N, C-alpha and C. Protein backbone atom coordinates (compact mmCIF):
# COMPACT_ATOMS: atom_id res chain seq x y z
N MET A 1 -18.48 -60.54 16.21
CA MET A 1 -18.55 -59.98 17.54
C MET A 1 -17.19 -60.11 18.20
N MET A 2 -16.80 -59.08 18.94
CA MET A 2 -15.49 -59.09 19.57
C MET A 2 -15.58 -59.83 20.90
N MET A 3 -14.63 -60.70 21.11
CA MET A 3 -14.61 -61.48 22.34
C MET A 3 -13.31 -61.19 23.07
N GLY A 4 -13.34 -61.33 24.37
CA GLY A 4 -12.12 -61.16 25.15
C GLY A 4 -11.74 -59.70 25.31
N LYS A 5 -10.49 -59.50 25.68
CA LYS A 5 -9.99 -58.16 25.93
C LYS A 5 -9.51 -57.53 24.63
N SER A 6 -9.85 -56.26 24.41
CA SER A 6 -9.46 -55.55 23.20
C SER A 6 -8.72 -54.28 23.56
N CYS A 7 -7.86 -53.84 22.64
CA CYS A 7 -7.15 -52.59 22.87
C CYS A 7 -8.13 -51.42 22.69
N GLY A 8 -7.78 -50.28 23.22
CA GLY A 8 -8.65 -49.10 23.16
C GLY A 8 -8.97 -48.68 21.74
N LEU A 9 -7.98 -48.73 20.86
CA LEU A 9 -8.19 -48.34 19.47
C LEU A 9 -9.23 -49.24 18.81
N CYS A 10 -9.14 -50.53 19.06
CA CYS A 10 -10.11 -51.46 18.47
C CYS A 10 -11.52 -51.23 19.03
N MET A 11 -11.62 -50.89 20.29
CA MET A 11 -12.93 -50.62 20.89
C MET A 11 -13.56 -49.36 20.29
N VAL A 12 -12.77 -48.30 20.13
CA VAL A 12 -13.28 -47.07 19.51
C VAL A 12 -13.70 -47.36 18.07
N ALA A 13 -12.87 -48.10 17.34
CA ALA A 13 -13.20 -48.47 15.96
C ALA A 13 -14.49 -49.28 15.91
N TYR A 14 -14.64 -50.20 16.83
CA TYR A 14 -15.84 -51.03 16.89
C TYR A 14 -17.09 -50.17 17.03
N TRP A 15 -17.08 -49.24 17.95
CA TRP A 15 -18.26 -48.40 18.19
C TRP A 15 -18.52 -47.44 17.04
N LEU A 16 -17.45 -46.91 16.42
CA LEU A 16 -17.65 -46.04 15.27
C LEU A 16 -18.25 -46.80 14.09
N VAL A 17 -17.85 -48.05 13.90
CA VAL A 17 -18.42 -48.86 12.83
C VAL A 17 -19.89 -49.16 13.12
N ILE A 18 -20.22 -49.44 14.35
CA ILE A 18 -21.62 -49.67 14.74
C ILE A 18 -22.46 -48.42 14.46
N ILE A 19 -21.98 -47.27 14.89
CA ILE A 19 -22.70 -46.00 14.67
C ILE A 19 -22.84 -45.72 13.18
N GLY A 20 -21.75 -45.96 12.43
CA GLY A 20 -21.81 -45.76 10.98
C GLY A 20 -22.82 -46.69 10.31
N GLY A 21 -22.85 -47.92 10.76
CA GLY A 21 -23.81 -48.87 10.20
C GLY A 21 -25.25 -48.48 10.50
N LEU A 22 -25.49 -48.02 11.71
CA LEU A 22 -26.84 -47.55 12.06
C LEU A 22 -27.22 -46.34 11.22
N ASN A 23 -26.28 -45.44 10.99
CA ASN A 23 -26.55 -44.27 10.16
C ASN A 23 -26.91 -44.69 8.73
N TRP A 24 -26.16 -45.64 8.17
CA TRP A 24 -26.47 -46.11 6.82
C TRP A 24 -27.83 -46.80 6.79
N GLY A 25 -28.19 -47.49 7.86
CA GLY A 25 -29.52 -48.10 7.94
C GLY A 25 -30.62 -47.05 7.90
N LEU A 26 -30.41 -45.95 8.63
CA LEU A 26 -31.38 -44.85 8.62
C LEU A 26 -31.48 -44.21 7.23
N VAL A 27 -30.33 -44.07 6.56
CA VAL A 27 -30.33 -43.51 5.21
C VAL A 27 -31.09 -44.43 4.26
N GLY A 28 -30.84 -45.72 4.34
CA GLY A 28 -31.50 -46.67 3.46
C GLY A 28 -32.98 -46.81 3.69
N LEU A 29 -33.38 -46.82 4.95
CA LEU A 29 -34.80 -47.03 5.28
C LEU A 29 -35.64 -45.76 5.17
N PHE A 30 -35.10 -44.66 5.68
CA PHE A 30 -35.91 -43.45 5.82
C PHE A 30 -35.37 -42.24 5.05
N LYS A 31 -34.25 -42.43 4.32
CA LYS A 31 -33.61 -41.32 3.62
C LYS A 31 -33.27 -40.18 4.58
N TRP A 32 -32.87 -40.55 5.79
CA TRP A 32 -32.53 -39.58 6.82
C TRP A 32 -31.12 -39.85 7.33
N ASN A 33 -30.26 -38.87 7.18
CA ASN A 33 -28.86 -38.99 7.56
C ASN A 33 -28.65 -38.32 8.92
N LEU A 34 -28.42 -39.12 9.94
CA LEU A 34 -28.25 -38.61 11.30
C LEU A 34 -27.02 -37.73 11.42
N VAL A 35 -25.93 -38.11 10.79
CA VAL A 35 -24.70 -37.32 10.86
C VAL A 35 -24.93 -35.94 10.25
N ASN A 36 -25.61 -35.91 9.11
CA ASN A 36 -25.92 -34.64 8.47
C ASN A 36 -26.88 -33.81 9.32
N ALA A 37 -27.82 -34.48 9.98
CA ALA A 37 -28.78 -33.77 10.83
C ALA A 37 -28.07 -33.12 12.03
N ILE A 38 -27.05 -33.79 12.55
CA ILE A 38 -26.34 -33.25 13.72
C ILE A 38 -25.28 -32.24 13.31
N PHE A 39 -24.48 -32.55 12.28
CA PHE A 39 -23.34 -31.71 11.92
C PHE A 39 -23.49 -31.04 10.56
N GLY A 40 -24.70 -30.99 10.01
CA GLY A 40 -24.91 -30.48 8.65
C GLY A 40 -24.40 -29.07 8.41
N SER A 41 -24.47 -28.21 9.39
CA SER A 41 -24.02 -26.83 9.18
C SER A 41 -22.50 -26.71 9.23
N VAL A 42 -21.82 -27.76 9.67
CA VAL A 42 -20.35 -27.76 9.75
C VAL A 42 -19.86 -28.89 8.84
N SER A 43 -19.73 -28.58 7.54
CA SER A 43 -19.45 -29.65 6.56
C SER A 43 -18.12 -30.34 6.80
N TRP A 44 -17.10 -29.63 7.27
CA TRP A 44 -15.80 -30.28 7.50
C TRP A 44 -15.89 -31.28 8.64
N LEU A 45 -16.74 -30.99 9.64
CA LEU A 45 -16.90 -31.92 10.76
C LEU A 45 -17.67 -33.16 10.31
N GLU A 46 -18.66 -32.96 9.46
CA GLU A 46 -19.40 -34.10 8.90
C GLU A 46 -18.45 -34.99 8.09
N SER A 47 -17.60 -34.38 7.28
CA SER A 47 -16.62 -35.14 6.50
C SER A 47 -15.66 -35.89 7.42
N LEU A 48 -15.23 -35.25 8.50
CA LEU A 48 -14.33 -35.88 9.45
C LEU A 48 -14.97 -37.13 10.08
N ILE A 49 -16.25 -37.04 10.40
CA ILE A 49 -16.97 -38.19 10.97
C ILE A 49 -16.96 -39.35 9.97
N TYR A 50 -17.25 -39.06 8.70
CA TYR A 50 -17.25 -40.11 7.69
C TYR A 50 -15.86 -40.72 7.52
N ILE A 51 -14.83 -39.89 7.55
CA ILE A 51 -13.46 -40.38 7.44
C ILE A 51 -13.12 -41.29 8.62
N LEU A 52 -13.49 -40.88 9.83
CA LEU A 52 -13.22 -41.68 11.02
C LEU A 52 -13.93 -43.03 10.98
N VAL A 53 -15.17 -43.03 10.49
CA VAL A 53 -15.90 -44.29 10.36
C VAL A 53 -15.23 -45.19 9.33
N GLY A 54 -14.77 -44.62 8.22
CA GLY A 54 -14.07 -45.40 7.20
C GLY A 54 -12.76 -45.97 7.71
N VAL A 55 -11.99 -45.16 8.42
CA VAL A 55 -10.73 -45.63 9.00
C VAL A 55 -11.00 -46.71 10.04
N SER A 56 -12.09 -46.54 10.78
CA SER A 56 -12.47 -47.55 11.78
C SER A 56 -12.77 -48.88 11.14
N ALA A 57 -13.42 -48.86 9.97
CA ALA A 57 -13.71 -50.11 9.27
C ALA A 57 -12.40 -50.80 8.85
N ILE A 58 -11.43 -50.01 8.40
CA ILE A 58 -10.13 -50.56 8.04
C ILE A 58 -9.45 -51.16 9.26
N ILE A 59 -9.53 -50.47 10.39
CA ILE A 59 -8.95 -50.97 11.63
C ILE A 59 -9.62 -52.27 12.05
N MET A 60 -10.93 -52.34 11.88
CA MET A 60 -11.65 -53.57 12.24
C MET A 60 -11.19 -54.75 11.39
N VAL A 61 -10.97 -54.51 10.10
CA VAL A 61 -10.49 -55.57 9.22
C VAL A 61 -9.06 -55.95 9.61
N ALA A 62 -8.21 -54.95 9.82
CA ALA A 62 -6.82 -55.21 10.18
C ALA A 62 -6.71 -55.69 11.62
N GLY A 63 -7.71 -55.40 12.44
CA GLY A 63 -7.69 -55.77 13.85
C GLY A 63 -7.65 -57.26 14.10
N LYS A 64 -7.96 -58.03 13.07
CA LYS A 64 -7.89 -59.49 13.21
C LYS A 64 -6.46 -59.92 13.51
N SER A 65 -5.50 -59.07 13.14
CA SER A 65 -4.10 -59.41 13.38
C SER A 65 -3.50 -58.59 14.53
N CYS A 66 -4.31 -57.78 15.21
CA CYS A 66 -3.83 -56.97 16.33
C CYS A 66 -3.41 -57.90 17.47
N LYS A 67 -2.16 -57.86 17.87
CA LYS A 67 -1.64 -58.77 18.90
C LYS A 67 -2.38 -58.61 20.22
N MET A 68 -2.76 -57.37 20.56
CA MET A 68 -3.44 -57.13 21.82
C MET A 68 -4.86 -57.72 21.79
N CYS A 69 -5.53 -57.59 20.63
CA CYS A 69 -6.92 -58.04 20.53
C CYS A 69 -7.04 -59.55 20.37
N THR A 70 -6.03 -60.19 19.81
CA THR A 70 -6.11 -61.63 19.61
C THR A 70 -5.45 -62.42 20.73
N LYS A 71 -4.87 -61.69 21.70
CA LYS A 71 -4.19 -62.34 22.83
C LYS A 71 -5.19 -63.12 23.67
N LYS A 72 -4.86 -64.33 24.01
CA LYS A 72 -5.72 -65.15 24.87
C LYS A 72 -5.67 -64.62 26.29
N VAL A 73 -6.84 -64.51 26.90
CA VAL A 73 -6.93 -63.98 28.27
C VAL A 73 -6.92 -65.10 29.25
């Protein structure tokens, strides 16, 4: 869980990872892909969403060293 003040990029990454995790939960439990249900007719946009979620996960891992996010308030 993120504590304290975070930079905007880390906050966006945080929420995209949460949304991605919920989507994977729906896929695992119900075989229903929310991203595909919303953007299925626009395959490049669906791919972009998956790429952004993946990049967000990398940012979350690298965010442990983000000077703005680890700064004591």
